[in-house]
Amino acid sequence: MNQVKVTVYTTKVCPYCVAAKQLLTRRGITYEEVDVSDDHAKRQWLAETSGQRTVPQIFFGDRSIGGFAELQQLDSQSGLDAALAADSQS
């Protein structure tokens, strides 16, 4: 399956970041982690791009899907694979 790039923006002390990474790992989804703990410019960009100031922020390609709650909701509705497949087609 051709999978879209998944990027997870995190900080060092964030239980929801850990939970999101664990969920992705359990599902066999590879991702890139970007730690924004000490990067004010990257956090500013992330807030402007996602509309959120919290972490994790998860992107499928260039599309923000939200944080852990949104990822978990997609997964519980069996929509995670479909969302990744749809984004890989765009």
N, C-alpha and C. Protein backbone atom coordinates (compact mmCIF):
# COMPACT_ATOMS: atom_id res chain seq x y z
N MET A 1 0.84 -1.19 0.00
CA MET A 1 0.00 0.00 0.00
C MET A 1 0.88 1.25 0.00
N ASN A 2 0.53 2.18 -0.80
CA ASN A 2 1.27 3.44 -0.87
C ASN A 2 0.74 4.35 0.23
N GLN A 3 1.54 4.58 1.23
CA GLN A 3 1.10 5.34 2.41
C GLN A 3 1.61 6.76 2.37
N VAL A 4 0.76 7.69 2.78
CA VAL A 4 1.12 9.08 2.89
C VAL A 4 2.10 9.26 4.05
N LYS A 5 2.92 10.27 3.99
CA LYS A 5 3.85 10.57 5.08
C LYS A 5 3.06 11.05 6.30
N VAL A 6 3.37 10.47 7.45
CA VAL A 6 2.74 10.86 8.71
C VAL A 6 3.80 11.56 9.55
N THR A 7 3.46 12.76 10.04
CA THR A 7 4.36 13.53 10.88
C THR A 7 3.65 13.83 12.20
N VAL A 8 4.36 13.58 13.30
CA VAL A 8 3.81 13.83 14.63
C VAL A 8 4.70 14.87 15.31
N TYR A 9 4.12 16.03 15.58
CA TYR A 9 4.83 17.10 16.28
C TYR A 9 4.59 16.92 17.77
N THR A 10 5.68 16.87 18.53
CA THR A 10 5.62 16.52 19.95
C THR A 10 6.45 17.48 20.79
N THR A 11 6.34 17.29 22.10
CA THR A 11 7.27 17.90 23.05
C THR A 11 7.79 16.79 23.96
N LYS A 12 8.81 17.11 24.72
CA LYS A 12 9.46 16.10 25.56
C LYS A 12 8.54 15.54 26.64
N VAL A 13 7.73 16.39 27.25
CA VAL A 13 6.87 15.96 28.36
C VAL A 13 5.42 16.08 27.91
N CYS A 14 4.91 15.00 27.33
CA CYS A 14 3.55 15.04 26.79
C CYS A 14 2.98 13.63 26.73
N PRO A 15 2.12 13.27 27.68
CA PRO A 15 1.56 11.92 27.67
C PRO A 15 0.72 11.62 26.43
N TYR A 16 0.05 12.63 25.88
CA TYR A 16 -0.75 12.39 24.68
C TYR A 16 0.12 12.15 23.46
N CYS A 17 1.32 12.74 23.45
CA CYS A 17 2.27 12.48 22.38
C CYS A 17 2.69 11.01 22.42
N VAL A 18 2.99 10.53 23.61
CA VAL A 18 3.38 9.12 23.78
C VAL A 18 2.25 8.21 23.32
N ALA A 19 1.02 8.53 23.72
CA ALA A 19 -0.14 7.71 23.35
C ALA A 19 -0.34 7.69 21.83
N ALA A 20 -0.18 8.83 21.18
CA ALA A 20 -0.34 8.89 19.73
C ALA A 20 0.71 8.04 19.03
N LYS A 21 1.96 8.15 19.48
CA LYS A 21 3.04 7.37 18.87
C LYS A 21 2.81 5.87 19.09
N GLN A 22 2.33 5.51 20.27
CA GLN A 22 2.05 4.10 20.55
C GLN A 22 0.93 3.57 19.65
N LEU A 23 -0.12 4.36 19.45
CA LEU A 23 -1.22 3.94 18.60
C LEU A 23 -0.73 3.72 17.17
N LEU A 24 0.04 4.66 16.65
CA LEU A 24 0.57 4.52 15.30
C LEU A 24 1.46 3.29 15.18
N THR A 25 2.31 3.08 16.18
CA THR A 25 3.20 1.92 16.17
C THR A 25 2.40 0.62 16.20
N ARG A 26 1.38 0.55 17.06
CA ARG A 26 0.53 -0.65 17.13
C ARG A 26 -0.14 -0.95 15.79
N ARG A 27 -0.46 0.08 15.05
CA ARG A 27 -1.12 -0.09 13.75
C ARG A 27 -0.11 -0.31 12.62
N GLY A 28 1.17 -0.29 12.94
CA GLY A 28 2.20 -0.53 11.93
C GLY A 28 2.38 0.65 10.99
N ILE A 29 2.03 1.85 11.47
CA ILE A 29 2.14 3.05 10.65
C ILE A 29 3.44 3.76 10.99
N THR A 30 4.28 3.94 10.00
CA THR A 30 5.54 4.65 10.23
C THR A 30 5.26 6.15 10.25
N TYR A 31 6.04 6.85 11.04
CA TYR A 31 5.85 8.29 11.18
C TYR A 31 7.19 8.95 11.46
N GLU A 32 7.20 10.24 11.18
CA GLU A 32 8.35 11.06 11.55
C GLU A 32 7.95 11.88 12.76
N GLU A 33 8.79 11.89 13.78
CA GLU A 33 8.53 12.69 14.97
C GLU A 33 9.36 13.97 14.90
N VAL A 34 8.70 15.10 15.15
CA VAL A 34 9.39 16.38 15.19
C VAL A 34 9.16 16.98 16.58
N ASP A 35 10.23 17.03 17.37
CA ASP A 35 10.15 17.58 18.72
C ASP A 35 10.26 19.10 18.64
N VAL A 36 9.20 19.78 19.07
CA VAL A 36 9.17 21.24 19.01
C VAL A 36 9.37 21.88 20.38
N SER A 37 9.87 21.10 21.35
CA SER A 37 10.04 21.59 22.72
C SER A 37 10.83 22.89 22.80
N ASP A 38 11.95 22.94 22.11
CA ASP A 38 12.85 24.08 22.22
C ASP A 38 12.93 24.90 20.93
N ASP A 39 11.90 24.79 20.09
CA ASP A 39 11.94 25.46 18.79
C ASP A 39 10.73 26.40 18.68
N HIS A 40 10.93 27.65 19.14
CA HIS A 40 9.83 28.61 19.16
C HIS A 40 9.28 28.87 17.76
N ALA A 41 10.14 28.99 16.78
CA ALA A 41 9.69 29.25 15.41
C ALA A 41 8.83 28.10 14.88
N LYS A 42 9.24 26.87 15.15
CA LYS A 42 8.48 25.71 14.68
C LYS A 42 7.13 25.62 15.40
N ARG A 43 7.11 25.96 16.69
CA ARG A 43 5.83 25.96 17.43
C ARG A 43 4.90 27.04 16.89
N GLN A 44 5.45 28.19 16.54
CA GLN A 44 4.66 29.27 15.95
C GLN A 44 4.06 28.81 14.62
N TRP A 45 4.89 28.21 13.78
CA TRP A 45 4.43 27.68 12.50
C TRP A 45 3.34 26.64 12.71
N LEU A 46 3.54 25.75 13.67
CA LEU A 46 2.59 24.70 13.94
C LEU A 46 1.24 25.27 14.37
N ALA A 47 1.26 26.27 15.25
CA ALA A 47 0.02 26.90 15.70
C ALA A 47 -0.70 27.58 14.53
N GLU A 48 0.05 28.25 13.68
CA GLU A 48 -0.55 28.93 12.53
C GLU A 48 -1.10 27.94 11.52
N THR A 49 -0.40 26.86 11.32
CA THR A 49 -0.78 25.87 10.31
C THR A 49 -1.95 25.00 10.77
N SER A 50 -1.91 24.56 12.03
CA SER A 50 -2.93 23.65 12.52
C SER A 50 -4.10 24.36 13.21
N GLY A 51 -3.87 25.61 13.61
CA GLY A 51 -4.90 26.32 14.37
C GLY A 51 -4.96 25.90 15.82
N GLN A 52 -3.98 25.10 16.25
CA GLN A 52 -3.94 24.59 17.63
C GLN A 52 -2.59 24.92 18.26
N ARG A 53 -2.61 25.10 19.57
CA ARG A 53 -1.36 25.36 20.29
C ARG A 53 -0.90 24.16 21.11
N THR A 54 -1.65 23.07 21.04
CA THR A 54 -1.34 21.89 21.83
C THR A 54 -0.58 20.87 20.99
N VAL A 55 0.05 19.94 21.68
CA VAL A 55 0.68 18.79 21.03
C VAL A 55 0.09 17.53 21.64
N PRO A 56 0.10 16.45 20.90
CA PRO A 56 0.69 16.31 19.57
C PRO A 56 -0.20 16.95 18.51
N GLN A 57 0.42 17.31 17.43
CA GLN A 57 -0.30 17.67 16.21
C GLN A 57 0.17 16.68 15.16
N ILE A 58 -0.80 16.07 14.51
CA ILE A 58 -0.51 14.98 13.59
C ILE A 58 -0.93 15.40 12.19
N PHE A 59 -0.02 15.17 11.25
CA PHE A 59 -0.28 15.51 9.86
C PHE A 59 -0.21 14.26 9.01
N PHE A 60 -1.16 14.13 8.09
CA PHE A 60 -1.11 13.13 7.02
C PHE A 60 -0.75 13.93 5.78
N GLY A 61 0.47 13.79 5.33
CA GLY A 61 0.95 14.64 4.25
C GLY A 61 0.99 16.07 4.75
N ASP A 62 0.34 16.97 4.04
CA ASP A 62 0.28 18.38 4.43
C ASP A 62 -0.98 18.71 5.21
N ARG A 63 -1.83 17.72 5.45
CA ARG A 63 -3.13 17.95 6.09
C ARG A 63 -3.07 17.64 7.58
N SER A 64 -3.43 18.63 8.40
CA SER A 64 -3.52 18.43 9.84
C SER A 64 -4.77 17.64 10.15
N ILE A 65 -4.60 16.53 10.88
CA ILE A 65 -5.79 15.77 11.29
C ILE A 65 -6.15 16.06 12.74
N GLY A 66 -5.31 16.83 13.44
CA GLY A 66 -5.58 17.18 14.83
C GLY A 66 -4.58 16.51 15.76
N GLY A 67 -5.05 16.24 16.97
CA GLY A 67 -4.20 15.66 17.99
C GLY A 67 -4.52 14.21 18.27
N PHE A 68 -4.20 13.77 19.47
CA PHE A 68 -4.41 12.37 19.83
C PHE A 68 -5.89 11.99 19.80
N ALA A 69 -6.76 12.86 20.30
CA ALA A 69 -8.20 12.54 20.34
C ALA A 69 -8.73 12.28 18.94
N GLU A 70 -8.33 13.10 17.98
CA GLU A 70 -8.80 12.92 16.61
C GLU A 70 -8.21 11.65 15.99
N LEU A 71 -6.95 11.38 16.28
CA LEU A 71 -6.32 10.15 15.79
C LEU A 71 -7.03 8.93 16.37
N GLN A 72 -7.31 8.97 17.66
CA GLN A 72 -7.98 7.86 18.33
C GLN A 72 -9.40 7.66 17.76
N GLN A 73 -10.08 8.77 17.48
CA GLN A 73 -11.42 8.68 16.92
C GLN A 73 -11.39 8.04 15.53
N LEU A 74 -10.45 8.48 14.70
CA LEU A 74 -10.30 7.86 13.38
C LEU A 74 -10.05 6.36 13.51
N ASP A 75 -9.19 5.99 14.44
CA ASP A 75 -8.85 4.59 14.63
C ASP A 75 -10.06 3.79 15.12
N SER A 76 -10.81 4.34 16.07
CA SER A 76 -11.93 3.60 16.64
C SER A 76 -13.08 3.45 15.64
N GLN A 77 -13.13 4.32 14.66
CA GLN A 77 -14.17 4.24 13.63
C GLN A 77 -13.67 3.49 12.39
N SER A 78 -12.53 2.83 12.53
CA SER A 78 -11.92 2.09 11.43
C SER A 78 -11.65 2.97 10.22
N GLY A 79 -11.40 4.25 10.50
CA GLY A 79 -11.16 5.18 9.41
C GLY A 79 -9.71 5.56 9.22
N LEU A 80 -8.83 5.05 10.07
CA LEU A 80 -7.42 5.43 10.00
C LEU A 80 -6.78 4.97 8.70
N ASP A 81 -6.96 3.71 8.35
CA ASP A 81 -6.39 3.21 7.10
C ASP A 81 -6.98 3.92 5.90
N ALA A 82 -8.29 4.16 5.94
CA ALA A 82 -8.96 4.84 4.82
C ALA A 82 -8.44 6.26 4.66
N ALA A 83 -8.25 6.97 5.78
CA ALA A 83 -7.75 8.35 5.72
C ALA A 83 -6.35 8.39 5.16
N LEU A 84 -5.52 7.46 5.58
CA LEU A 84 -4.15 7.41 5.06
C LEU A 84 -4.14 7.07 3.56
N ALA A 85 -4.98 6.14 3.16
CA ALA A 85 -5.05 5.77 1.76
C ALA A 85 -5.57 6.91 0.90
N ALA A 86 -6.59 7.61 1.40
CA ALA A 86 -7.17 8.74 0.65
C ALA A 86 -6.15 9.85 0.50
N ASP A 87 -5.40 10.14 1.56
CA ASP A 87 -4.41 11.21 1.50
C ASP A 87 -3.23 10.84 0.60
N SER A 88 -2.96 9.55 0.46
CA SER A 88 -1.84 9.16 -0.39
C SER A 88 -2.21 9.31 -1.87
N GLN A 89 -3.50 9.38 -2.17
CA GLN A 89 -3.94 9.54 -3.55
C GLN A 89 -3.90 11.01 -3.98
N SER A 90 -3.86 11.96 -3.01
CA SER A 90 -3.89 13.37 -3.38
C SER A 90 -2.52 13.92 -3.64
